[in-house]
Protein backbone atom coordinates (compact mmCIF):
# COMPACT_ATOMS: atom_id res chain seq x y z
CA MET A 1 27.17 24.60 -10.10
CA PRO A 2 24.13 24.50 -11.57
CA GLY A 3 21.00 24.54 -8.71
CA GLY A 4 19.92 20.81 -9.05
CA ARG A 5 23.74 19.68 -8.70
CA LEU A 6 24.03 21.76 -5.79
CA ARG A 7 20.93 20.35 -4.13
CA THR A 8 22.28 17.01 -4.96
CA LEU A 9 25.49 17.61 -3.26
CA GLU A 10 23.56 19.39 -0.28
CA LEU A 11 21.25 16.26 -0.02
CA ALA A 12 24.27 13.83 0.26
CA LEU A 13 26.09 15.67 2.74
CA ARG A 14 22.88 15.58 5.04
CA LEU A 15 21.81 12.12 4.50
CA ALA A 16 25.28 10.49 4.23
CA PRO A 17 25.25 9.87 8.24
CA LEU A 18 21.72 9.28 8.18
CA VAL A 19 22.00 6.65 5.49
CA LEU A 20 25.15 5.04 7.46
CA ALA A 21 23.67 5.03 10.63
CA PHE A 22 20.23 3.07 9.01
CA SER A 23 22.53 0.55 7.18
CA ARG A 24 23.84 -0.69 10.52
CA ASP A 25 20.63 -0.59 12.09
CA ASP A 26 19.35 -2.48 9.40
CA SER A 27 21.96 -5.15 8.84
CA LYS A 28 21.44 -5.71 12.76
CA TYR A 29 17.48 -5.97 12.58
CA ARG A 30 18.26 -8.84 10.05
CA ARG A 31 20.75 -10.81 11.99
CA ASN A 32 18.44 -10.87 14.69
CA ARG A 33 15.52 -11.17 12.62
CA GLY A 34 13.65 -8.18 14.68
CA ARG A 35 14.34 -9.65 17.88
CA LEU A 36 16.12 -6.70 19.65
CA GLY A 37 17.22 -5.52 23.12
CA SER A 38 16.25 -2.64 24.85
CA ALA A 39 19.42 -0.91 23.90
CA ASP A 40 19.42 -1.88 20.51
CA GLU A 41 15.97 -0.73 20.32
CA ARG A 42 16.76 2.71 21.81
CA ARG A 43 19.50 3.20 19.27
CA MET A 44 17.51 2.82 16.76
CA ARG A 45 14.49 4.94 17.76
CA ARG A 46 17.18 7.76 18.33
CA ASN A 47 18.62 7.30 14.79
CA ALA A 48 15.21 7.16 13.62
CA GLY A 49 14.24 10.56 15.23
CA ARG A 50 17.26 12.41 13.74
CA ALA A 51 16.19 11.04 10.29
CA VAL A 52 12.75 12.40 10.81
CA ALA A 53 13.56 15.81 12.35
CA ALA A 54 15.99 15.91 9.11
CA PHE A 55 13.12 14.80 6.61
CA ILE A 56 11.27 17.70 8.08
CA GLU A 57 13.88 20.27 7.53
CA LEU A 58 14.38 19.10 3.78
CA GLY A 59 11.22 19.97 2.59
CA PRO A 60 7.61 18.81 1.41
CA PHE A 61 9.14 15.91 -0.83
CA PHE A 62 10.92 14.35 2.12
CA VAL A 63 8.01 14.60 4.30
CA LYS A 64 5.83 13.03 2.01
CA LEU A 65 8.48 10.20 1.52
CA GLY A 66 8.67 9.54 4.98
CA GLN A 67 5.11 8.96 5.40
CA VAL A 68 5.14 6.72 2.40
CA LEU A 69 7.89 4.85 4.34
CA SER A 70 6.04 4.43 7.53
CA VAL A 71 3.99 1.91 6.08
CA ARG A 72 6.44 -0.04 4.02
CA PRO A 73 8.19 -2.86 6.77
CA ASP A 74 9.87 -3.87 3.89
CA VAL A 75 11.91 -1.16 3.63
CA LEU A 76 12.34 0.19 7.48
CA PRO A 77 13.00 -2.03 10.30
CA ASP A 78 10.25 -1.83 13.09
CA PRO A 79 11.66 0.77 15.79
CA TYR A 80 12.11 3.47 12.38
CA ILE A 81 8.66 2.85 11.27
CA ALA A 82 7.54 3.73 14.64
CA GLU A 83 9.25 7.06 14.64
CA PHE A 84 8.37 7.78 11.01
CA SER A 85 4.62 7.13 11.76
CA LYS A 86 4.83 10.36 14.01
CA LEU A 87 5.61 12.43 10.82
CA GLN A 88 2.86 15.48 10.44
CA ASP A 89 2.27 17.37 7.85
CA GLU A 90 2.61 20.53 9.21
CA VAL A 91 5.10 23.21 8.53
CA PRO A 92 5.36 26.99 9.44
CA PRO A 93 3.20 29.08 7.10
CA GLU A 94 4.67 31.02 3.96
CA ASP A 95 4.86 34.94 4.13
CA PHE A 96 1.69 36.08 2.73
CA GLU A 97 3.67 38.63 0.59
CA ARG A 98 4.70 35.94 -1.44
CA VAL A 99 1.20 34.39 -1.49
CA ARG A 100 -0.56 36.89 -2.90
CA PRO A 101 0.91 37.29 -6.28
CA LEU A 102 0.25 33.70 -6.74
CA ILE A 103 -3.25 34.00 -6.04
CA GLU A 104 -3.55 37.03 -8.17
CA GLY A 105 -1.90 35.47 -11.35
CA GLU A 106 -3.87 32.46 -11.33
CA LEU A 107 -7.24 33.98 -11.10
CA GLY A 108 -6.46 37.27 -12.99
CA GLY A 109 -6.93 40.32 -10.85
CA ARG A 110 -6.72 42.24 -7.70
CA LEU A 111 -7.31 40.15 -4.72
CA GLU A 112 -9.64 42.95 -3.49
CA ASP A 113 -11.52 42.62 -6.50
CA LEU A 114 -12.02 39.07 -6.43
CA PHE A 115 -13.34 38.89 -2.58
CA GLU A 116 -14.88 40.85 -0.28
CA GLU A 117 -13.18 39.94 2.43
CA PHE A 118 -9.59 37.79 2.63
CA ASP A 119 -7.80 37.03 6.10
CA PRO A 120 -4.24 36.83 5.42
CA GLU A 121 -3.91 34.59 8.51
CA PRO A 122 -3.81 31.10 7.17
CA ILE A 123 -5.99 28.95 9.28
CA SER A 124 -4.03 25.83 8.31
CA GLY A 125 -0.74 24.94 6.66
CA ALA A 126 1.09 21.78 5.16
CA SER A 127 4.12 21.30 3.35
CA LEU A 128 2.57 21.87 -0.05
CA SER A 129 -0.13 24.42 0.50
CA GLN A 130 -1.93 26.63 3.05
CA VAL A 131 -5.29 27.65 3.69
CA TYR A 132 -7.14 31.18 4.18
CA ARG A 133 -10.53 32.37 5.04
CA ALA A 134 -12.07 34.93 2.68
CA LYS A 135 -15.70 35.97 1.39
CA TYR A 136 -16.82 35.65 -2.02
CA ARG A 137 -20.20 36.59 -3.55
CA GLY A 138 -21.44 37.03 0.15
CA GLU A 139 -20.45 33.94 0.84
CA ASP A 140 -17.88 32.32 3.59
CA VAL A 141 -15.33 30.22 1.62
CA VAL A 142 -11.93 28.90 2.26
CA VAL A 143 -8.99 29.42 -0.21
CA LYS A 144 -6.47 26.81 -0.62
CA VAL A 145 -3.18 28.14 -2.35
CA GLN A 146 -0.32 25.84 -3.34
CA ARG A 147 2.90 27.31 -1.89
CA PRO A 148 4.97 29.32 -3.87
CA GLY A 149 8.12 27.09 -5.70
CA VAL A 150 7.02 24.03 -4.01
CA GLU A 151 6.31 22.33 -7.43
CA GLU A 152 10.16 23.15 -8.55
CA ARG A 153 11.47 21.97 -5.25
CA VAL A 154 9.61 18.79 -5.61
CA ARG A 155 10.75 18.29 -9.05
CA GLU A 156 14.68 19.21 -7.95
CA ASP A 157 14.63 16.66 -4.88
CA ALA A 158 13.14 13.77 -6.81
CA ALA A 159 15.77 14.00 -9.42
CA ALA A 160 18.58 14.61 -6.79
CA LEU A 161 17.60 11.42 -4.53
CA ARG A 162 17.38 9.01 -7.86
CA SER A 163 20.71 10.13 -8.89
CA LEU A 164 22.35 9.56 -5.14
CA LEU A 165 20.18 6.27 -5.06
CA ARG A 166 21.74 5.15 -8.58
CA TYR A 167 25.58 6.05 -7.61
CA PHE A 168 25.57 5.46 -3.69
CA GLY A 169 22.72 2.79 -3.34
CA TRP A 170 25.30 0.20 -3.03
CA LEU A 171 25.41 1.10 0.41
CA LEU A 172 22.11 -0.22 1.08
CA ASP A 173 21.17 -3.83 0.93
CA PRO A 174 19.81 -5.04 -2.71
CA SER A 175 15.99 -5.82 -1.78
CA ILE A 176 16.15 -2.27 0.21
CA ARG A 177 17.24 -0.14 -2.53
CA PHE A 178 14.76 -1.74 -4.97
CA SER A 179 11.97 -1.11 -2.43
CA LEU A 180 13.39 2.28 -1.91
CA ALA A 181 12.96 2.93 -5.88
CA SER A 182 9.61 1.72 -5.92
CA ALA A 183 8.76 3.80 -3.19
CA LEU A 184 10.49 6.85 -4.53
CA ASP A 185 8.22 6.22 -7.38
CA GLN A 186 5.04 6.21 -5.70
CA VAL A 187 5.69 9.47 -3.67
CA GLU A 188 6.90 11.27 -6.83
CA SER A 189 3.33 10.37 -8.75
CA THR A 190 1.15 11.07 -5.32
CA VAL A 191 2.97 14.62 -4.79
CA TYR A 192 2.12 15.72 -8.45
CA GLU A 193 -1.32 14.74 -7.98
CA GLU A 194 -1.80 16.59 -4.91
CA LEU A 195 -0.28 19.66 -6.67
CA ASP A 196 -2.95 19.67 -9.17
CA PHE A 197 -5.85 21.37 -7.12
CA ARG A 198 -8.05 20.60 -10.34
CA ARG A 199 -7.72 16.83 -9.53
CA GLU A 200 -8.81 17.46 -6.05
CA ALA A 201 -11.41 19.64 -7.24
CA SER A 202 -12.77 16.74 -9.18
CA ASN A 203 -12.54 14.19 -6.42
CA MET A 204 -14.42 16.19 -4.21
CA GLU A 205 -17.37 16.40 -7.04
CA ALA A 206 -17.49 12.77 -7.32
CA LEU A 207 -17.20 11.57 -4.17
CA GLY A 208 -19.42 14.19 -2.60
CA PRO A 209 -22.72 12.78 -3.76
CA ARG A 210 -22.01 9.23 -2.38
CA LEU A 211 -20.97 10.38 0.98
CA SER A 212 -23.77 12.92 1.31
CA ARG A 213 -26.22 9.69 0.96
CA ARG A 214 -24.35 8.41 4.35
CA GLY A 215 -24.64 11.81 5.96
CA VAL A 216 -21.05 13.44 5.45
CA ILE A 217 -20.67 16.80 4.14
CA VAL A 218 -18.07 17.82 1.73
CA PRO A 219 -17.52 21.44 1.09
CA ARG A 220 -18.81 22.48 -2.24
CA VAL A 221 -15.93 23.76 -4.95
CA HIS A 222 -16.79 27.32 -6.57
CA ARG A 223 -14.89 26.21 -9.97
CA GLU A 224 -15.03 29.60 -11.56
CA VAL A 225 -12.25 30.75 -9.16
CA SER A 226 -10.38 27.97 -8.71
CA THR A 227 -7.36 26.70 -10.99
CA ALA A 228 -4.38 23.92 -11.00
CA ARG A 229 -2.78 25.99 -7.96
CA VAL A 230 -5.80 28.25 -6.10
CA LEU A 231 -9.16 25.89 -4.87
CA VAL A 232 -12.08 27.85 -3.80
CA MET A 233 -14.74 26.27 -1.76
CA ASP A 234 -17.56 26.73 1.07
CA TYR A 235 -16.47 27.37 4.41
CA VAL A 236 -17.79 24.20 6.48
CA PRO A 237 -16.72 24.84 10.19
CA GLY A 238 -16.99 21.88 12.69
CA ILE A 239 -15.10 20.68 15.84
CA LYS A 240 -11.96 18.67 14.95
CA VAL A 241 -12.63 14.94 15.24
CA THR A 242 -9.84 14.63 18.17
CA ASP A 243 -10.85 17.48 20.24
CA VAL A 244 -12.64 15.17 22.87
CA GLU A 245 -13.56 18.14 25.26
CA ARG A 246 -15.67 20.06 22.57
CA LEU A 247 -17.13 16.76 21.10
CA ASP A 248 -18.10 15.86 25.10
CA ALA A 249 -19.63 19.27 25.77
CA ALA A 250 -21.41 19.21 22.45
CA GLY A 251 -23.13 15.79 23.68
CA VAL A 252 -21.47 13.70 20.53
CA ASP A 253 -21.33 9.99 21.31
CA ARG A 254 -17.53 9.36 20.99
CA ARG A 255 -17.74 5.54 20.69
CA ARG A 256 -20.68 5.62 18.18
CA LEU A 257 -18.78 8.46 16.06
CA ALA A 258 -15.64 5.94 16.02
CA ASN A 259 -17.67 3.18 14.71
CA ARG A 260 -19.35 5.31 12.11
CA LEU A 261 -16.22 6.60 11.24
CA GLU A 262 -14.43 3.37 10.28
CA ARG A 263 -17.50 2.12 8.48
CA ILE A 264 -17.60 5.40 6.13
CA PHE A 265 -13.81 4.82 5.13
CA MET A 266 -13.87 1.52 4.63
CA GLU A 267 -17.32 1.38 2.63
CA MET A 268 -15.51 4.15 0.24
CA VAL A 269 -12.84 1.42 -0.23
CA LEU A 270 -15.20 -1.76 -0.54
CA SER A 271 -18.08 -0.78 -2.29
CA GLY A 272 -16.17 2.15 -4.49
CA GLU A 273 -13.49 2.67 -6.99
CA ALA A 274 -12.34 5.68 -4.88
CA PHE A 275 -11.53 6.66 -1.36
CA HIS A 276 -10.45 9.41 0.80
CA ALA A 277 -6.76 8.44 1.77
CA ASP A 278 -5.84 10.89 4.49
CA PRO A 279 -8.09 10.71 7.02
CA HIS A 280 -5.87 12.87 9.69
CA PRO A 281 -7.60 14.56 12.48
CA GLY A 282 -6.96 18.31 10.74
CA ASN A 283 -9.28 16.97 7.50
CA ILE A 284 -12.16 15.32 9.71
CA ALA A 285 -14.51 17.51 11.95
CA VAL A 286 -18.06 17.07 13.28
CA THR A 287 -20.89 19.87 13.21
CA PRO A 288 -22.65 20.58 16.71
CA GLU A 289 -25.33 18.10 15.22
CA GLY A 290 -23.08 15.35 14.92
CA ARG A 291 -22.60 15.50 11.11
CA LEU A 292 -19.00 14.53 9.58
CA VAL A 293 -17.19 16.81 7.94
CA LEU A 294 -14.24 15.88 5.37
CA TYR A 295 -12.05 18.25 4.01
CA ASP A 296 -8.73 17.76 1.63
CA PHE A 297 -9.43 15.33 -1.15
CA GLY A 298 -5.80 15.89 -2.74
CA MET A 299 -4.95 12.34 -1.60
CA VAL A 300 -7.59 10.10 -2.81
CA GLY A 301 -6.89 6.08 -3.90
CA ARG A 302 -8.58 4.26 -6.39
CA LEU A 303 -9.17 0.41 -5.98
CA ASP A 304 -10.89 -2.16 -9.16
CA ARG A 305 -13.14 -4.70 -8.12
CA ARG A 306 -10.20 -7.42 -8.33
CA THR A 307 -8.15 -5.58 -6.22
CA ARG A 308 -10.98 -5.36 -3.54
CA LEU A 309 -11.48 -9.07 -3.79
CA SER A 310 -7.63 -9.35 -3.45
CA LEU A 311 -7.77 -7.33 -0.21
CA VAL A 312 -10.37 -9.23 1.12
CA ARG A 313 -8.52 -12.63 0.44
CA LEU A 314 -5.68 -11.15 2.09
CA TYR A 315 -7.71 -10.30 5.23
CA SER A 316 -9.27 -13.56 5.13
CA ALA A 317 -5.87 -15.04 5.02
CA VAL A 318 -4.34 -13.56 7.86
CA MET A 319 -7.37 -14.08 10.01
CA GLU A 320 -7.39 -17.87 9.15
CA GLY A 321 -3.53 -18.21 9.07
CA ASP A 322 -3.23 -19.39 5.82
CA PRO A 323 0.22 -18.63 4.57
CA ASP A 324 -0.47 -19.93 0.92
CA TRP A 325 -3.51 -18.06 0.62
CA ALA A 326 -2.06 -14.69 1.94
CA LEU A 327 0.93 -15.22 -0.66
CA GLU A 328 -1.74 -15.92 -3.39
CA ALA A 329 -3.16 -12.65 -2.68
CA LEU A 330 -0.27 -10.44 -2.41
CA THR A 331 0.94 -11.90 -5.59
CA ASP A 332 -2.80 -11.09 -7.23
CA LEU A 333 -1.91 -7.47 -5.57
CA GLY A 334 1.11 -6.82 -7.69
CA ALA A 335 3.39 -7.04 -4.70
CA VAL A 336 5.25 -9.83 -5.15
CA GLN A 337 8.18 -9.77 -7.80
CA PRO A 338 8.21 -12.57 -10.41
CA GLY A 339 11.59 -13.57 -9.40
CA ALA A 340 11.10 -13.60 -5.76
CA ASP A 341 12.19 -16.46 -3.65
CA ARG A 342 8.58 -17.88 -3.43
CA ARG A 343 9.71 -20.49 -0.82
CA ALA A 344 11.32 -18.11 1.24
CA LEU A 345 8.38 -15.77 1.04
CA ARG A 346 5.54 -18.43 1.97
CA ARG A 347 7.76 -19.24 4.74
CA ALA A 348 7.85 -15.84 6.18
CA MET A 349 4.44 -15.48 5.80
CA GLU A 350 3.93 -18.69 7.86
CA LEU A 351 6.23 -17.69 10.35
CA MET A 352 4.31 -14.26 10.16
CA LEU A 353 0.99 -15.96 10.64
CA GLU A 354 2.30 -18.12 13.67
CA GLU A 355 3.33 -14.64 15.54
CA ALA A 356 0.44 -12.98 14.81
CA ARG A 357 -1.75 -16.06 16.41
CA GLY A 358 0.42 -15.80 19.14
CA GLU A 359 0.28 -11.95 19.84
CA SER A 360 -2.79 -10.82 21.73
CA LEU A 361 -4.35 -8.72 19.04
CA ASN A 362 -6.07 -6.82 21.87
CA ALA A 363 -3.04 -4.40 21.64
CA GLN A 364 -3.50 -1.21 21.79
CA SER A 365 -3.29 -0.93 18.12
CA GLU A 366 -4.18 -4.11 15.96
CA VAL A 367 -3.60 -2.53 12.53
CA GLU A 368 -0.41 -1.46 14.03
CA GLU A 369 0.39 -4.62 15.70
CA LEU A 370 -0.12 -6.81 12.30
CA LEU A 371 2.43 -4.28 10.49
CA ARG A 372 4.83 -4.98 13.32
CA VAL A 373 4.27 -8.27 12.94
CA ALA A 374 4.39 -8.42 9.25
CA GLY A 375 7.62 -6.36 9.32
CA ARG A 376 9.63 -8.75 11.23
CA ALA A 377 8.34 -11.39 8.90
CA ILE A 378 8.89 -9.67 5.35
CA HIS A 379 11.53 -7.05 5.79
CA GLY A 380 14.47 -7.46 3.65
CA PHE A 381 12.20 -9.25 0.74
CA PRO A 382 12.24 -7.15 -2.56
CA PHE A 383 8.50 -5.41 -2.90
CA ARG A 384 7.09 -3.36 -5.29
CA LEU A 385 3.55 -2.37 -3.55
CA PRO A 386 1.31 -0.79 -5.64
CA ARG A 387 0.44 3.01 -5.08
CA GLU A 388 -3.10 1.97 -4.36
CA LEU A 389 -2.30 -0.55 -1.71
CA VAL A 390 0.28 1.85 0.02
CA LEU A 391 -2.44 4.48 -0.06
CA TYR A 392 -4.98 1.98 1.70
CA VAL A 393 -2.58 0.64 4.28
CA ARG A 394 -1.48 4.04 5.52
CA MET A 395 -5.52 5.32 5.30
CA VAL A 396 -6.38 2.73 7.62
CA ILE A 397 -3.21 3.15 10.07
CA VAL A 398 -4.32 6.87 10.56
CA LEU A 399 -7.87 6.14 10.62
CA GLU A 400 -7.62 3.28 13.43
CA GLY A 401 -5.34 6.21 15.18
CA VAL A 402 -8.12 8.98 15.03
CA CYS A 403 -10.68 6.20 16.19
CA LYS A 404 -8.49 5.11 19.02
CA ARG A 405 -8.42 8.67 20.23
CA LEU A 406 -12.04 8.97 20.42
CA ASP A 407 -12.77 5.45 21.89
CA PRO A 408 -9.53 3.86 23.73
CA GLU A 409 -11.77 0.65 23.66
CA PHE A 410 -12.02 0.82 19.66
CA ARG A 411 -11.74 -2.54 18.06
CA PHE A 412 -10.79 -1.65 14.17
CA LEU A 413 -11.16 -5.68 12.96
CA PRO A 414 -14.59 -6.38 14.06
CA VAL A 415 -15.75 -3.33 12.23
CA LEU A 416 -13.93 -4.18 9.24
CA SER A 417 -15.32 -7.68 9.04
CA SER A 418 -18.98 -6.35 9.60
CA VAL A 419 -18.57 -4.02 6.81
CA ILE A 420 -17.38 -6.84 4.37
CA ARG A 421 -20.06 -9.18 5.14
CA GLU A 422 -22.63 -6.21 4.74
CA GLU A 423 -21.17 -5.19 1.33
CA GLY A 424 -21.45 -9.03 0.65
CA LEU A 425 -17.56 -8.95 -0.56
CA GLU A 426 -17.04 -11.70 1.76
CA SER A 427 -19.50 -14.34 -0.29
CA GLU A 428 -18.11 -12.91 -3.49
CA MET A 429 -14.87 -13.97 -2.36
CA TYR A 430 -15.27 -17.22 -2.15
CA ARG A 431 -17.71 -17.46 -5.25
CA GLU A 432 -14.52 -16.24 -7.15
CA GLU A 433 -11.90 -18.43 -5.14
CA ILE A 434 -14.22 -21.29 -5.86
CA ARG A 435 -13.99 -20.60 -9.50
CA ARG A 436 -10.16 -19.72 -9.54
CA ARG A 437 -9.82 -23.16 -8.12
CA ILE A 438 -12.16 -25.18 -10.96
CA ARG A 439 -9.91 -23.23 -13.53
CA ARG A 440 -6.46 -24.46 -12.00
CA LEU A 441 -8.10 -27.98 -11.48
CA VAL A 442 -9.35 -28.02 -14.92
CA ARG A 443 -5.87 -26.73 -16.54
CA SER A 444 -3.73 -29.29 -14.11
CA ILE A 445 -6.05 -32.30 -15.61
CA GLU A 446 -5.76 -30.93 -19.16
CA ASP A 447 -1.70 -31.24 -18.61
CA ALA A 448 -1.75 -34.17 -16.92
CA LEU A 449 -3.87 -35.82 -19.82
CA GLU A 450 -0.91 -34.81 -22.19
CA LEU A 451 1.64 -36.66 -20.36
CA PRO A 452 1.07 -39.86 -22.51
CA THR A 453 1.67 -38.37 -25.58
CA LEU A 454 4.92 -36.43 -24.19
CA ILE A 455 6.19 -39.90 -22.88
CA LYS A 456 5.83 -41.22 -26.56
CA GLU A 457 7.64 -38.51 -27.92
CA ARG A 458 10.23 -38.40 -25.53
CA LEU A 459 10.51 -42.42 -25.99
CA ASN A 460 10.33 -41.99 -30.00
CA GLU A 461 13.52 -39.22 -29.29
CA ASP A 462 15.28 -41.10 -27.23
CA GLY A 463 14.93 -44.41 -29.66
CA GLY A 464 16.20 -42.45 -32.43
CA GLY A 465 13.23 -43.73 -34.39
CA ARG A 466 14.20 -47.49 -33.78
CA ALA A 467 12.06 -49.99 -31.98
CA GLY A 468 14.07 -50.80 -28.87
CA GLY A 469 16.37 -48.21 -28.39
CA GLY A 470 18.82 -49.42 -25.86
CA GLY A 471 17.88 -46.21 -23.49
CA CYS A 472 14.50 -46.43 -23.81
CA LEU A 473 13.54 -47.61 -20.43
CA LEU A 474 15.59 -45.23 -18.13
CA PRO A 475 14.85 -42.29 -20.00
CA GLY A 476 11.10 -43.07 -20.36
CA ALA A 477 10.65 -43.37 -16.54
CA LEU A 478 12.22 -39.93 -16.02
CA ALA A 479 9.96 -38.35 -18.48
CA GLY A 480 7.02 -39.44 -17.23
CA ALA A 481 8.28 -38.78 -13.41
CA GLY A 482 9.26 -35.52 -14.33
CA ALA A 483 6.06 -34.70 -16.18
CA ALA A 484 4.43 -35.65 -13.28
CA GLY A 485 6.49 -33.87 -11.00
CA MET A 486 5.98 -30.46 -13.20
CA ALA A 487 1.99 -30.90 -13.05
CA ALA A 488 2.04 -31.50 -9.23
CA TRP A 489 4.19 -28.53 -8.74
CA SER A 490 1.70 -25.77 -9.56
CA LEU A 491 -1.29 -28.11 -7.75
CA ASP A 492 -4.03 -26.73 -5.39
CA PRO A 493 -4.06 -29.02 -2.66
CA GLY A 494 -7.49 -29.91 -3.26
CA ALA A 495 -7.06 -31.26 -6.57
CA ALA A 496 -3.78 -33.44 -5.37
CA PRO A 497 -5.38 -37.12 -4.97
CA ALA A 498 -7.01 -36.68 -8.81
CA LEU A 499 -4.11 -35.27 -10.37
CA LEU A 500 -1.20 -37.39 -8.74
CA ALA A 501 -3.64 -40.56 -9.63
CA ILE A 502 -3.68 -39.39 -13.36
CA ALA A 503 0.09 -38.75 -13.32
CA ALA A 504 0.77 -42.31 -11.82
CA ALA A 505 -1.49 -43.94 -14.72
CA ALA A 506 0.78 -41.75 -17.32
CA LEU A 507 4.11 -42.77 -15.69
CA ALA A 508 3.19 -46.53 -15.78
CA PHE A 509 1.78 -46.03 -19.10
CA GLY A 510 5.18 -45.13 -20.18
CA LEU A 511 7.09 -47.55 -18.65
CA ALA A 512 4.78 -50.22 -20.10
CA TYR A 513 4.92 -48.73 -23.31
CA CYS A 514 9.04 -48.54 -23.08
CA ALA A 515 8.95 -52.56 -21.90
CA ALA A 516 6.66 -53.39 -24.72
CA ARG A 517 8.87 -52.07 -27.26
CA ARG A 518 11.91 -53.81 -26.00
CA ARG A 519 10.31 -57.20 -26.05
CA CYS A 520 8.93 -56.46 -29.33
CA ALA A 521 11.82 -55.40 -31.08
CA PRO A 522 13.26 -57.60 -33.96
CA VAL A 523 16.30 -59.73 -33.43
CA PRO A 524 19.36 -58.19 -35.27
């Protein structure tokens, strides 16, 4: 049996009991609309814990998939989200005897000739790569190396999962199957980007100058000894951002550091087109002088101006409790499918916002609490969340967790509001919203002004070209009412009085016109 088919069979046997347990849990979660008793909650968490353990054992692609699913409440019930959010990208190191040939093959020389020193013990390891210390041209550097064979395993696992979803997806609810397929697409593209270290080097060189102006250190890349699978950078030591004891000993103000950390990341998102999307504790350090150091730019998100404004609109809609505005923002972000039941989705948004207002956002985690509330409302709706939006949500959740470790009293949302105002995005968003509403009002009025012509054409059709056709009055009234109804359907609430007045006038015109034709019809 070829390797690909063998792997598919292995995954099918390993995943089958997990999928069946998930399917039962998901059905119960839907029936109870996310309201679970303590026994159900514990059972779902146990099942989710088994799934997380299996994903870790199954390899890097599943680790990345689990991390993406941890921010997809449309796919996973809340107890599963809670367990998958604990999934860390840390795995045992690869044997150096397998790593050495990869480095030498990529750089075209013996390790001893390329580096003055090279420590074979890795200082960190993840599912896709591991990092070593070395000395290059008299400077201390770190060497990031792709794990041997990881790219082939990722391609094999991605293909196997697609095959399993195609043949056995019927075990899952159709909406879950749809959302899971979109999640697979996102994971595959993200992993391939992370596996290309040339892209990471470009990310560091692009973001480095911007971040340095904010006092953040980004290690310098040594391009001459870097390839798609090996990346050599300056060694910049620091205190791990969550090592609170060492930070306190160094005299670092942790409360101030937490606020600064969020501001830096949110400014990256809201003021530029690229942002570091993986702020877990291993990627952030603090120098003894209190400067931030950012590592690992393999996962970088990019948001254009329109997406940034849509995110601000969504945030404002949540804060103001406006379901229509929230649904519009999600539509602009590309999250709502064209064929989705918008009435049902609007009702879900309404319930979510009502619950968010009823819940105290002074909870231990504001962002996770909002995600939990959203999960109960939108779970089961078919979403195709854009990759960049998923990266943003995951970044925010991880970042909030780091800030909470630094300062247990940290509040994420007030800092975010401050950054939005300072960047001028709130004013820009409102100006754009006014322009949008004016454009929609103009289109609605133009459509309404066409009603008399449409009614006249309809009357002529119904009259068969004869004045005083017997079916003139009723079809004319229905045509006018139908046209008015269609125009009002896409109406902004603020434009309703004007458009409905025009629609009523057009309807009256249609009835009067029809009646006049009946009165003036020649006597046969």
